[in-house]
Amino acid sequence: MTQTPSYQLLPSGLSDLNQLRAIEKACFPLDAWPLLELIGVLIMPNLVKIKAVVGEKMIGFVGGDAHRFENVGWITTLGVLPQYQRLGIASALLDQCEQKMQMPVVKLTVRRSNLSAQTLYFGRGYQQIDIWKAYYEGGEDGLILQKKL
């Protein structure tokens, strides 16, 4: 796919569970979120949940958690189906999630080996601030990235 499809960014809810599971499995084969965690993300009222859709098909998702007492937002997950990657959809999801959380600082964790995601985040103004050793399944380190808005 070389042309950006016509897509919409919409609020996500429990009715999106099956499509979200498919995105998680496609984007994170080693550590897709378990079913109960996905249900929790979709039903928690204070979390930001945004989906990218083409017609009825969900092609991307971002979740954000605003920690009001700490004045920090966390991007909890961001995934776009492989055939729709590198078309600006992840950037659009990320931008909208940052805006909806309304936090002065946003953080996220990314696998050390996920260079394409790191390129996205660094290009969007994130900077590495820490490393969480053996954070991911299989013992891989997680890079902690931060962006000041």
Protein backbone atom coordinates (compact mmCIF):
# COMPACT_ATOMS: atom_id res chain seq x y z
CA MET A 1 0.00 0.00 0.00
CA THR A 2 1.63 3.24 -1.13
CA GLN A 3 -1.20 5.76 -0.99
CA THR A 4 -2.61 6.88 2.34
CA PRO A 5 -6.13 5.48 2.61
CA SER A 6 -9.02 7.66 3.70
CA TYR A 7 -9.28 6.96 7.41
CA GLN A 8 -10.98 8.44 10.46
CA LEU A 9 -9.85 8.76 14.06
CA LEU A 10 -12.69 7.87 16.43
CA PRO A 11 -13.20 7.02 20.10
CA SER A 12 -12.83 3.31 20.78
CA GLY A 13 -14.91 1.11 23.05
CA LEU A 14 -15.66 -2.46 24.08
CA SER A 15 -17.30 -3.26 20.74
CA ASP A 16 -13.80 -2.93 19.21
CA LEU A 17 -12.32 -5.75 21.31
CA ASN A 18 -11.89 -8.35 18.56
CA GLN A 19 -10.33 -5.92 16.12
CA LEU A 20 -8.03 -4.54 18.82
CA ARG A 21 -6.88 -8.08 19.64
CA ALA A 22 -6.03 -8.61 15.98
CA ILE A 23 -4.00 -5.37 15.89
CA GLU A 24 -2.15 -6.28 19.10
CA LYS A 25 -1.26 -9.75 17.75
CA ALA A 26 -0.14 -8.36 14.39
CA CYS A 27 1.95 -5.55 15.89
CA PHE A 28 3.27 -7.23 19.04
CA PRO A 29 3.59 -10.98 18.37
CA LEU A 30 5.88 -11.53 21.37
CA ASP A 31 3.89 -9.61 23.95
CA ALA A 32 0.40 -8.71 22.79
CA TRP A 33 -1.76 -7.68 25.72
CA PRO A 34 -3.89 -10.48 27.21
CA LEU A 35 -7.65 -10.42 26.69
CA LEU A 36 -8.50 -9.15 30.18
CA GLU A 37 -6.05 -6.24 29.91
CA LEU A 38 -7.54 -5.24 26.56
CA ILE A 39 -11.03 -5.33 28.06
CA GLY A 40 -9.78 -3.15 30.91
CA VAL A 41 -8.29 -0.61 28.52
CA LEU A 42 -11.52 -0.41 26.55
CA ILE A 43 -13.86 0.00 29.54
CA MET A 44 -11.82 2.26 31.84
CA PRO A 45 -13.58 5.64 31.63
CA ASN A 46 -10.51 7.82 32.31
CA LEU A 47 -8.25 6.30 29.66
CA VAL A 48 -7.88 7.84 26.21
CA LYS A 49 -8.80 5.27 23.56
CA ILE A 50 -8.63 6.22 19.89
CA LYS A 51 -8.96 3.99 16.85
CA ALA A 52 -8.11 4.60 13.22
CA VAL A 53 -10.67 3.10 10.87
CA VAL A 54 -11.09 2.62 7.14
CA GLY A 55 -14.79 2.04 6.67
CA GLU A 56 -15.70 -0.46 9.40
CA LYS A 57 -12.18 -1.89 9.71
CA MET A 58 -9.98 -0.81 12.60
CA ILE A 59 -6.46 -0.35 11.28
CA GLY A 60 -4.81 1.29 14.29
CA PHE A 61 -5.23 2.05 17.97
CA VAL A 62 -3.65 4.18 20.67
CA GLY A 63 -4.27 4.15 24.40
CA GLY A 64 -3.24 6.86 26.83
CA ASP A 65 -3.36 7.17 30.60
CA ALA A 66 -3.18 10.65 32.14
CA HIS A 67 -1.64 10.51 35.62
CA ARG A 68 -3.13 13.75 36.94
CA PHE A 69 -1.27 13.76 40.28
CA GLU A 70 2.09 13.38 38.51
CA ASN A 71 1.22 15.68 35.58
CA VAL A 72 2.39 12.96 33.18
CA GLY A 73 0.58 11.08 30.44
CA TRP A 74 1.61 7.59 29.39
CA ILE A 75 1.07 6.14 25.93
CA THR A 76 0.11 2.60 26.93
CA THR A 77 -0.07 1.09 23.46
CA LEU A 78 0.15 2.26 19.86
CA GLY A 79 -0.24 -0.09 16.93
CA VAL A 80 -1.11 0.11 13.25
CA LEU A 81 -1.68 -2.97 11.09
CA PRO A 82 1.50 -3.71 9.10
CA GLN A 83 -0.06 -3.01 5.70
CA TYR A 84 -1.04 0.50 6.88
CA GLN A 85 2.27 1.42 8.52
CA ARG A 86 4.49 4.30 7.36
CA LEU A 87 1.50 6.26 6.06
CA GLY A 88 1.24 8.80 8.89
CA ILE A 89 -1.53 6.98 10.75
CA ALA A 90 0.54 6.26 13.86
CA SER A 91 1.62 9.92 13.97
CA ALA A 92 -2.00 11.06 13.75
CA LEU A 93 -3.04 8.65 16.53
CA LEU A 94 -0.14 9.74 18.71
CA ASP A 95 -0.84 13.46 18.18
CA GLN A 96 -4.52 13.10 19.03
CA CYS A 97 -3.82 11.01 22.13
CA GLU A 98 -1.30 13.59 23.38
CA GLN A 99 -3.88 16.34 22.88
CA LYS A 100 -6.69 14.43 24.61
CA MET A 101 -4.58 13.61 27.68
CA GLN A 102 -3.79 17.32 28.19
CA MET A 103 -0.57 16.63 30.10
CA PRO A 104 2.60 18.75 29.91
CA VAL A 105 4.77 15.61 29.68
CA VAL A 106 4.05 12.35 27.85
CA LYS A 107 6.07 9.16 28.31
CA LEU A 108 6.13 5.73 26.69
CA THR A 109 8.14 2.54 26.60
CA VAL A 110 9.50 0.97 23.41
CA ARG A 111 11.52 -2.19 22.81
CA ARG A 112 15.21 -1.56 22.28
CA SER A 113 14.98 -3.56 19.03
CA ASN A 114 11.95 -1.70 17.63
CA LEU A 115 13.88 0.77 15.52
CA SER A 116 10.93 1.74 13.31
CA ALA A 117 8.89 2.78 16.37
CA GLN A 118 11.88 4.65 17.78
CA THR A 119 12.23 6.53 14.49
CA LEU A 120 8.57 7.53 14.74
CA TYR A 121 8.87 8.69 18.35
CA PHE A 122 12.17 10.56 17.93
CA GLY A 123 10.71 12.24 14.85
CA ARG A 124 7.72 13.36 16.94
CA GLY A 125 9.93 15.03 19.56
CA TYR A 126 10.42 12.24 22.10
CA GLN A 127 13.79 11.81 23.82
CA GLN A 128 15.19 8.83 25.68
CA ILE A 129 15.34 9.43 29.44
CA ASP A 130 15.88 5.95 30.90
CA ILE A 131 16.20 2.22 30.25
CA TRP A 132 14.16 -0.42 32.05
CA LYS A 133 16.29 -3.55 32.01
CA ALA A 134 14.60 -6.79 30.93
CA TYR A 135 11.20 -5.05 30.82
CA TYR A 136 9.76 -7.00 27.90
CA GLU A 137 8.98 -10.66 27.34
CA GLY A 138 12.20 -12.51 26.58
CA GLY A 139 14.27 -10.14 28.71
CA GLU A 140 14.57 -7.31 26.23
CA ASP A 141 15.17 -3.82 27.60
CA GLY A 142 12.56 -1.10 27.31
CA LEU A 143 13.62 2.41 26.42
CA ILE A 144 11.70 5.10 28.29
CA LEU A 145 10.98 8.05 26.04
CA GLN A 146 9.56 11.41 27.03
CA LYS A 147 8.15 14.41 25.23
CA LYS A 148 7.48 17.81 26.76
CA LEU A 149 4.46 19.43 25.17
